[in-house]
Amino acid sequence: MRRSSWSIQDAKNSFSAVVEAARRAPQTVTKHGKPAVVVVAADEYDRLRRQDRGDATSFKQHLLAFPKGDVEFPRLDGPLREVDL
């Protein structure tokens, strides 16, 4: 069975082993029994960073993508809310 969780002391003492294991799968390092950090392979980190940047659009991009011209939007059926002025 391959190890995927290391105490901080074990990770310090076996850092090369942690790095080698991280090339296969993310490795969790715990401090006082609680997850502190995750060690991942560099290519996996790069993939996650590209995915993070690719999925997010800025508010400006969102507004610019809004339909232009005379576009009619269907009205939603439902009760109107009461407004106190």
PDB file of N, CA and C in Angstrom:
ATOM      1  N   MET A   1       0.844  -1.183   0.000  1.00  0.00           N
ATOM      2  CA  MET A   1       0.000   0.000   0.000  1.00  0.00           C
ATOM      3  C   MET A   1       0.884   1.239   0.000  1.00  0.00           C
ATOM      4  N   ARG A   2       0.584   2.172  -0.880  1.00  0.00           N
ATOM      5  CA  ARG A   2       1.367   3.397  -0.967  1.00  0.00           C
ATOM      6  C   ARG A   2       0.868   4.409   0.044  1.00  0.00           C
ATOM      7  N   ARG A   3       1.780   5.135   0.571  1.00  0.00           N
ATOM      8  CA  ARG A   3       1.489   6.137   1.584  1.00  0.00           C
ATOM      9  C   ARG A   3       1.071   7.445   0.909  1.00  0.00           C
ATOM     10  N   SER A   4       0.078   8.128   1.456  1.00  0.00           N
ATOM     11  CA  SER A   4      -0.333   9.414   0.896  1.00  0.00           C
ATOM     12  C   SER A   4      -0.435  10.496   1.960  1.00  0.00           C
ATOM     13  N   SER A   5      -0.160  10.142   3.208  1.00  0.00           N
ATOM     14  CA  SER A   5      -0.202  11.110   4.294  1.00  0.00           C
ATOM     15  C   SER A   5       1.049  10.946   5.154  1.00  0.00           C
ATOM     16  N   TRP A   6       1.661  12.063   5.497  1.00  0.00           N
ATOM     17  CA  TRP A   6       2.911  12.066   6.244  1.00  0.00           C
ATOM     18  C   TRP A   6       2.807  13.061   7.390  1.00  0.00           C
ATOM     19  N   SER A   7       3.337  12.710   8.534  1.00  0.00           N
ATOM     20  CA  SER A   7       3.468  13.715   9.596  1.00  0.00           C
ATOM     21  C   SER A   7       4.578  14.666   9.152  1.00  0.00           C
ATOM     22  N   ILE A   8       4.595  15.854   9.690  1.00  0.00           N
ATOM     23  CA  ILE A   8       5.613  16.818   9.278  1.00  0.00           C
ATOM     24  C   ILE A   8       7.022  16.297   9.580  1.00  0.00           C
ATOM     25  N   GLN A   9       7.171  15.594  10.690  1.00  0.00           N
ATOM     26  CA  GLN A   9       8.483  15.042  11.050  1.00  0.00           C
ATOM     27  C   GLN A   9       8.905  13.967  10.060  1.00  0.00           C
ATOM     28  N   ASP A  10       7.971  13.069   9.711  1.00  0.00           N
ATOM     29  CA  ASP A  10       8.290  12.028   8.727  1.00  0.00           C
ATOM     30  C   ASP A  10       8.597  12.646   7.362  1.00  0.00           C
ATOM     31  N   ALA A  11       7.869  13.681   6.995  1.00  0.00           N
ATOM     32  CA  ALA A  11       8.103  14.348   5.716  1.00  0.00           C
ATOM     33  C   ALA A  11       9.486  14.987   5.690  1.00  0.00           C
ATOM     34  N   LYS A  12       9.887  15.598   6.809  1.00  0.00           N
ATOM     35  CA  LYS A  12      11.237  16.193   6.891  1.00  0.00           C
ATOM     36  C   LYS A  12      12.304  15.119   6.753  1.00  0.00           C
ATOM     37  N   ASN A  13      12.112  14.026   7.458  1.00  0.00           N
ATOM     38  CA  ASN A  13      13.118  12.959   7.457  1.00  0.00           C
ATOM     39  C   ASN A  13      13.167  12.197   6.140  1.00  0.00           C
ATOM     40  N   SER A  14      12.074  12.196   5.392  1.00  0.00           N
ATOM     41  CA  SER A  14      11.998  11.413   4.145  1.00  0.00           C
ATOM     42  C   SER A  14      11.543  12.278   2.979  1.00  0.00           C
ATOM     43  N   PHE A  15      12.096  13.483   2.886  1.00  0.00           N
ATOM     44  CA  PHE A  15      11.610  14.423   1.873  1.00  0.00           C
ATOM     45  C   PHE A  15      11.719  13.863   0.452  1.00  0.00           C
ATOM     46  N   SER A  16      12.810  13.175   0.151  1.00  0.00           N
ATOM     47  CA  SER A  16      12.959  12.577  -1.185  1.00  0.00           C
ATOM     48  C   SER A  16      11.834  11.596  -1.480  1.00  0.00           C
ATOM     49  N   ALA A  17      11.452  10.817  -0.484  1.00  0.00           N
ATOM     50  CA  ALA A  17      10.356   9.857  -0.660  1.00  0.00           C
ATOM     51  C   ALA A  17       9.027  10.579  -0.860  1.00  0.00           C
ATOM     52  N   VAL A  18       8.836  11.689  -0.154  1.00  0.00           N
ATOM     53  CA  VAL A  18       7.609  12.478  -0.333  1.00  0.00           C
ATOM     54  C   VAL A  18       7.544  13.005  -1.758  1.00  0.00           C
ATOM     55  N   VAL A  19       8.652  13.539  -2.254  1.00  0.00           N
ATOM     56  CA  VAL A  19       8.700  14.074  -3.621  1.00  0.00           C
ATOM     57  C   VAL A  19       8.425  12.972  -4.639  1.00  0.00           C
ATOM     58  N   GLU A  20       9.056  11.828  -4.480  1.00  0.00           N
ATOM     59  CA  GLU A  20       8.814  10.710  -5.405  1.00  0.00           C
ATOM     60  C   GLU A  20       7.357  10.270  -5.371  1.00  0.00           C
ATOM     61  N   ALA A  21       6.769  10.180  -4.187  1.00  0.00           N
ATOM     62  CA  ALA A  21       5.366   9.776  -4.069  1.00  0.00           C
ATOM     63  C   ALA A  21       4.450  10.830  -4.680  1.00  0.00           C
ATOM     64  N   ALA A  22       4.810  12.109  -4.553  1.00  0.00           N
ATOM     65  CA  ALA A  22       3.988  13.188  -5.102  1.00  0.00           C
ATOM     66  C   ALA A  22       3.966  13.169  -6.630  1.00  0.00           C
ATOM     67  N   ARG A  23       4.965  12.577  -7.233  1.00  0.00           N
ATOM     68  CA  ARG A  23       4.959  12.441  -8.697  1.00  0.00           C
ATOM     69  C   ARG A  23       3.871  11.479  -9.157  1.00  0.00           C
ATOM     70  N   ARG A  24       3.451  10.579  -8.254  1.00  0.00           N
ATOM     71  CA  ARG A  24       2.393   9.616  -8.571  1.00  0.00           C
ATOM     72  C   ARG A  24       1.026  10.111  -8.134  1.00  0.00           C
ATOM     73  N   ALA A  25       0.972  10.737  -6.950  1.00  0.00           N
ATOM     74  CA  ALA A  25      -0.316  11.194  -6.395  1.00  0.00           C
ATOM     75  C   ALA A  25      -0.035  12.271  -5.348  1.00  0.00           C
ATOM     76  N   PRO A  26      -0.974  13.179  -5.136  1.00  0.00           N
ATOM     77  CA  PRO A  26      -0.782  14.214  -4.119  1.00  0.00           C
ATOM     78  C   PRO A  26      -0.503  13.602  -2.742  1.00  0.00           C
ATOM     79  N   GLN A  27       0.382  14.249  -1.987  1.00  0.00           N
ATOM     80  CA  GLN A  27       0.788  13.779  -0.660  1.00  0.00           C
ATOM     81  C   GLN A  27       0.401  14.834   0.379  1.00  0.00           C
ATOM     82  N   THR A  28      -0.319  14.427   1.389  1.00  0.00           N
ATOM     83  CA  THR A  28      -0.733  15.325   2.456  1.00  0.00           C
ATOM     84  C   THR A  28       0.281  15.274   3.586  1.00  0.00           C
ATOM     85  N   VAL A  29       0.680  16.459   4.063  1.00  0.00           N
ATOM     86  CA  VAL A  29       1.570  16.550   5.216  1.00  0.00           C
ATOM     87  C   VAL A  29       0.744  17.124   6.362  1.00  0.00           C
ATOM     88  N   THR A  30       0.784  16.417   7.490  1.00  0.00           N
ATOM     89  CA  THR A  30      -0.025  16.825   8.638  1.00  0.00           C
ATOM     90  C   THR A  30       0.837  17.443   9.729  1.00  0.00           C
ATOM     91  N   LYS A  31       0.223  18.348  10.465  1.00  0.00           N
ATOM     92  CA  LYS A  31       0.875  18.959  11.624  1.00  0.00           C
ATOM     93  C   LYS A  31      -0.085  18.824  12.786  1.00  0.00           C
ATOM     94  N   HIS A  32       0.364  18.193  13.845  1.00  0.00           N
ATOM     95  CA  HIS A  32      -0.481  17.900  15.003  1.00  0.00           C
ATOM     96  C   HIS A  32      -1.732  17.113  14.595  1.00  0.00           C
ATOM     97  N   GLY A  33      -1.567  16.223  13.618  1.00  0.00           N
ATOM     98  CA  GLY A  33      -2.648  15.356  13.194  1.00  0.00           C
ATOM     99  C   GLY A  33      -3.646  15.965  12.228  1.00  0.00           C
ATOM    100  N   LYS A  34      -3.439  17.239  11.857  1.00  0.00           N
ATOM    101  CA  LYS A  34      -4.367  17.909  10.937  1.00  0.00           C
ATOM    102  C   LYS A  34      -3.646  18.241   9.633  1.00  0.00           C
ATOM    103  N   PRO A  35      -4.342  18.120   8.493  1.00  0.00           N
ATOM    104  CA  PRO A  35      -3.692  18.445   7.221  1.00  0.00           C
ATOM    105  C   PRO A  35      -3.151  19.880   7.223  1.00  0.00           C
ATOM    106  N   ALA A  36      -1.884  20.023   6.807  1.00  0.00           N
ATOM    107  CA  ALA A  36      -1.253  21.337   6.767  1.00  0.00           C
ATOM    108  C   ALA A  36      -0.985  21.776   5.326  1.00  0.00           C
ATOM    109  N   VAL A  37      -0.411  20.888   4.529  1.00  0.00           N
ATOM    110  CA  VAL A  37      -0.105  21.198   3.132  1.00  0.00           C
ATOM    111  C   VAL A  37      -0.277  19.931   2.300  1.00  0.00           C
ATOM    112  N   VAL A  38      -0.350  20.141   0.988  1.00  0.00           N
ATOM    113  CA  VAL A  38      -0.386  19.023   0.049  1.00  0.00           C
ATOM    114  C   VAL A  38       0.757  19.226  -0.939  1.00  0.00           C
ATOM    115  N   VAL A  39       1.551  18.201  -1.136  1.00  0.00           N
ATOM    116  CA  VAL A  39       2.648  18.240  -2.097  1.00  0.00           C
ATOM    117  C   VAL A  39       2.146  17.574  -3.373  1.00  0.00           C
ATOM    118  N   VAL A  40       2.237  18.308  -4.492  1.00  0.00           N
ATOM    119  CA  VAL A  40       1.799  17.756  -5.786  1.00  0.00           C
ATOM    120  C   VAL A  40       2.933  17.874  -6.792  1.00  0.00           C
ATOM    121  N   ALA A  41       2.891  17.060  -7.817  1.00  0.00           N
ATOM    122  CA  ALA A  41       3.874  17.107  -8.886  1.00  0.00           C
ATOM    123  C   ALA A  41       3.764  18.442  -9.615  1.00  0.00           C
ATOM    124  N   ALA A  42       4.887  18.920 -10.141  1.00  0.00           N
ATOM    125  CA  ALA A  42       4.926  20.217 -10.815  1.00  0.00           C
ATOM    126  C   ALA A  42       3.974  20.260 -12.011  1.00  0.00           C
ATOM    127  N   ASP A  43       3.896  19.188 -12.791  1.00  0.00           N
ATOM    128  CA  ASP A  43       3.000  19.201 -13.954  1.00  0.00           C
ATOM    129  C   ASP A  43       1.533  19.252 -13.529  1.00  0.00           C
ATOM    130  N   GLU A  44       1.197  18.618 -12.414  1.00  0.00           N
ATOM    131  CA  GLU A  44      -0.175  18.684 -11.901  1.00  0.00           C
ATOM    132  C   GLU A  44      -0.492  20.097 -11.410  1.00  0.00           C
ATOM    133  N   TYR A  45       0.468  20.713 -10.737  1.00  0.00           N
ATOM    134  CA  TYR A  45       0.294  22.095 -10.278  1.00  0.00           C
ATOM    135  C   TYR A  45       0.071  23.021 -11.474  1.00  0.00           C
ATOM    136  N   ASP A  46       0.878  22.873 -12.527  1.00  0.00           N
ATOM    137  CA  ASP A  46       0.714  23.694 -13.724  1.00  0.00           C
ATOM    138  C   ASP A  46      -0.656  23.484 -14.358  1.00  0.00           C
ATOM    139  N   ARG A  47      -1.106  22.226 -14.408  1.00  0.00           N
ATOM    140  CA  ARG A  47      -2.424  21.928 -14.986  1.00  0.00           C
ATOM    141  C   ARG A  47      -3.526  22.630 -14.188  1.00  0.00           C
ATOM    142  N   LEU A  48      -3.430  22.564 -12.864  1.00  0.00           N
ATOM    143  CA  LEU A  48      -4.434  23.208 -12.015  1.00  0.00           C
ATOM    144  C   LEU A  48      -4.409  24.723 -12.183  1.00  0.00           C
ATOM    145  N   ARG A  49      -3.231  25.313 -12.318  1.00  0.00           N
ATOM    146  CA  ARG A  49      -3.133  26.768 -12.515  1.00  0.00           C
ATOM    147  C   ARG A  49      -3.747  27.176 -13.853  1.00  0.00           C
ATOM    148  N   ARG A  50      -3.480  26.413 -14.916  1.00  0.00           N
ATOM    149  CA  ARG A  50      -4.072  26.722 -16.223  1.00  0.00           C
ATOM    150  C   ARG A  50      -5.584  26.601 -16.167  1.00  0.00           C
ATOM    151  N   GLN A  51      -6.070  25.569 -15.502  1.00  0.00           N
ATOM    152  CA  GLN A  51      -7.509  25.364 -15.370  1.00  0.00           C
ATOM    153  C   GLN A  51      -8.138  26.512 -14.598  1.00  0.00           C
ATOM    154  N   ASP A  52      -7.488  26.944 -13.538  1.00  0.00           N
ATOM    155  CA  ASP A  52      -7.994  28.033 -12.714  1.00  0.00           C
ATOM    156  C   ASP A  52      -8.095  29.317 -13.526  1.00  0.00           C
ATOM    157  N   ARG A  53      -7.071  29.617 -14.298  1.00  0.00           N
ATOM    158  CA  ARG A  53      -7.085  30.831 -15.120  1.00  0.00           C
ATOM    159  C   ARG A  53      -8.073  30.712 -16.272  1.00  0.00           C
ATOM    160  N   GLY A  54      -8.227  29.527 -16.828  1.00  0.00           N
ATOM    161  CA  GLY A  54      -9.080  29.347 -17.993  1.00  0.00           C
ATOM    162  C   GLY A  54     -10.562  29.429 -17.692  1.00  0.00           C
ATOM    163  N   ASP A  55     -10.979  29.020 -16.511  1.00  0.00           N
ATOM    164  CA  ASP A  55     -12.398  28.978 -16.199  1.00  0.00           C
ATOM    165  C   ASP A  55     -12.957  30.319 -15.745  1.00  0.00           C
ATOM    166  N   ALA A  56     -12.105  31.159 -15.198  1.00  0.00           N
ATOM    167  CA  ALA A  56     -12.586  32.408 -14.618  1.00  0.00           C
ATOM    168  C   ALA A  56     -12.630  33.512 -15.666  1.00  0.00           C
ATOM    169  N   THR A  57     -13.762  34.182 -15.754  1.00  0.00           N
ATOM    170  CA  THR A  57     -13.856  35.352 -16.617  1.00  0.00           C
ATOM    171  C   THR A  57     -13.971  36.578 -15.722  1.00  0.00           C
ATOM    172  N   SER A  58     -13.438  37.675 -16.214  1.00  0.00           N
ATOM    173  CA  SER A  58     -13.512  38.899 -15.428  1.00  0.00           C
ATOM    174  C   SER A  58     -14.923  39.473 -15.537  1.00  0.00           C
ATOM    175  N   PHE A  59     -15.249  40.364 -14.630  1.00  0.00           N
ATOM    176  CA  PHE A  59     -16.556  41.013 -14.668  1.00  0.00           C
ATOM    177  C   PHE A  59     -16.702  41.814 -15.958  1.00  0.00           C
ATOM    178  N   LYS A  60     -15.624  42.438 -16.392  1.00  0.00           N
ATOM    179  CA  LYS A  60     -15.639  43.200 -17.647  1.00  0.00           C
ATOM    180  C   LYS A  60     -15.963  42.271 -18.827  1.00  0.00           C
ATOM    181  N   GLN A  61     -15.307  41.109 -18.886  1.00  0.00           N
ATOM    182  CA  GLN A  61     -15.580  40.152 -19.962  1.00  0.00           C
ATOM    183  C   GLN A  61     -17.033  39.687 -19.923  1.00  0.00           C
ATOM    184  N   HIS A  62     -17.554  39.496 -18.721  1.00  0.00           N
ATOM    185  CA  HIS A  62     -18.938  39.084 -18.557  1.00  0.00           C
ATOM    186  C   HIS A  62     -19.882  40.142 -19.133  1.00  0.00           C
ATOM    187  N   LEU A  63     -19.634  41.412 -18.816  1.00  0.00           N
ATOM    188  CA  LEU A  63     -20.489  42.487 -19.325  1.00  0.00           C
ATOM    189  C   LEU A  63     -20.366  42.635 -20.837  1.00  0.00           C
ATOM    190  N   LEU A  64     -19.167  42.507 -21.366  1.00  0.00           N
ATOM    191  CA  LEU A  64     -18.974  42.634 -22.810  1.00  0.00           C
ATOM    192  C   LEU A  64     -19.626  41.491 -23.575  1.00  0.00           C
ATOM    193  N   ALA A  65     -19.831  40.354 -22.941  1.00  0.00           N
ATOM    194  CA  ALA A  65     -20.472  39.217 -23.594  1.00  0.00           C
ATOM    195  C   ALA A  65     -21.997  39.353 -23.620  1.00  0.00           C
ATOM    196  N   PHE A  66     -22.525  40.341 -22.922  1.00  0.00           N
ATOM    197  CA  PHE A  66     -23.968  40.544 -22.861  1.00  0.00           C
ATOM    198  C   PHE A  66     -24.495  40.881 -24.254  1.00  0.00           C
ATOM    199  N   PRO A  67     -25.669  40.373 -24.653  1.00  0.00           N
ATOM    200  CA  PRO A  67     -26.201  40.654 -25.997  1.00  0.00           C
ATOM    201  C   PRO A  67     -26.371  42.161 -26.236  1.00  0.00           C
ATOM    202  N   LYS A  68     -26.089  42.563 -27.466  1.00  0.00           N
ATOM    203  CA  LYS A  68     -26.183  43.973 -27.841  1.00  0.00           C
ATOM    204  C   LYS A  68     -27.370  44.177 -28.771  1.00  0.00           C
ATOM    205  N   GLY A  69     -27.886  45.389 -28.813  1.00  0.00           N
ATOM    206  CA  GLY A  69     -28.982  45.707 -29.720  1.00  0.00           C
ATOM    207  C   GLY A  69     -30.326  45.453 -29.075  1.00  0.00           C
ATOM    208  N   ASP A  70     -31.355  45.385 -29.932  1.00  0.00           N
ATOM    209  CA  ASP A  70     -32.712  45.157 -29.446  1.00  0.00           C
ATOM    210  C   ASP A  70     -32.935  43.670 -29.218  1.00  0.00           C
ATOM    211  N   VAL A  71     -32.666  43.256 -28.030  1.00  0.00           N
ATOM    212  CA  VAL A  71     -32.844  41.853 -27.653  1.00  0.00           C
ATOM    213  C   VAL A  71     -33.949  41.800 -26.617  1.00  0.00           C
ATOM    214  N   GLU A  72     -34.930  40.969 -26.878  1.00  0.00           N
ATOM    215  CA  GLU A  72     -36.011  40.821 -25.910  1.00  0.00           C
ATOM    216  C   GLU A  72     -35.763  39.573 -25.071  1.00  0.00           C
ATOM    217  N   PHE A  73     -35.952  39.745 -23.795  1.00  0.00           N
ATOM    218  CA  PHE A  73     -35.803  38.639 -22.879  1.00  0.00           C
ATOM    219  C   PHE A  73     -37.189  38.215 -22.416  1.00  0.00           C
ATOM    220  N   PRO A  74     -37.445  36.931 -22.346  1.00  0.00           N
ATOM    221  CA  PRO A  74     -38.764  36.484 -21.887  1.00  0.00           C
ATOM    222  C   PRO A  74     -38.975  36.872 -20.431  1.00  0.00           C
ATOM    223  N   ARG A  75     -40.176  37.277 -20.134  1.00  0.00           N
ATOM    224  CA  ARG A  75     -40.524  37.631 -18.765  1.00  0.00           C
ATOM    225  C   ARG A  75     -40.820  36.379 -17.971  1.00  0.00           C
ATOM    226  N   LEU A  76     -40.333  36.330 -16.772  1.00  0.00           N
ATOM    227  CA  LEU A  76     -40.583  35.173 -15.928  1.00  0.00           C
ATOM    228  C   LEU A  76     -41.991  35.243 -15.363  1.00  0.00           C
ATOM    229  N   ASP A  77     -42.675  34.123 -15.394  1.00  0.00           N
ATOM    230  CA  ASP A  77     -43.999  34.062 -14.784  1.00  0.00           C
ATOM    231  C   ASP A  77     -43.840  33.884 -13.288  1.00  0.00           C
ATOM    232  N   GLY A  78     -44.582  34.659 -12.540  1.00  0.00           N
ATOM    233  CA  GLY A  78     -44.519  34.540 -11.088  1.00  0.00           C
ATOM    234  C   GLY A  78     -45.033  35.802 -10.453  1.00  0.00           C
ATOM    235  N   PRO A  79     -45.273  35.730  -9.174  1.00  0.00           N
ATOM    236  CA  PRO A  79     -45.805  36.917  -8.505  1.00  0.00           C
ATOM    237  C   PRO A  79     -44.758  38.014  -8.396  1.00  0.00           C
ATOM    238  N   LEU A  80     -45.236  39.257  -8.470  1.00  0.00           N
ATOM    239  CA  LEU A  80     -44.351  40.385  -8.269  1.00  0.00           C
ATOM    240  C   LEU A  80     -44.160  40.596  -6.790  1.00  0.00           C
ATOM    241  N   ARG A  81     -43.045  41.125  -6.405  1.00  0.00           N
ATOM    242  CA  ARG A  81     -42.808  41.343  -4.983  1.00  0.00           C
ATOM    243  C   ARG A  81     -43.341  42.701  -4.573  1.00  0.00           C
ATOM    244  N   GLU A  82     -43.717  42.808  -3.346  1.00  0.00           N
ATOM    245  CA  GLU A  82     -44.192  44.060  -2.785  1.00  0.00           C
ATOM    246  C   GLU A  82     -42.996  44.926  -2.430  1.00  0.00           C
ATOM    247  N   VAL A  83     -43.079  46.214  -2.759  1.00  0.00           N
ATOM    248  CA  VAL A  83     -42.006  47.135  -2.459  1.00  0.00           C
ATOM    249  C   VAL A  83     -42.569  48.272  -1.616  1.00  0.00           C
ATOM    250  N   ASP A  84     -41.946  48.519  -0.472  1.00  0.00           N
ATOM    251  CA  ASP A  84     -42.332  49.657   0.362  1.00  0.00           C
ATOM    252  C   ASP A  84     -41.468  50.842  -0.012  1.00  0.00           C
ATOM    253  N   LEU A  85     -42.133  51.947  -0.361  1.00  0.00           N
ATOM    254  CA  LEU A  85     -41.391  53.161  -0.709  1.00  0.00           C
ATOM    255  C   LEU A  85     -41.499  54.190   0.380  1.00  0.00           C
TER     256      LEU A  85
END
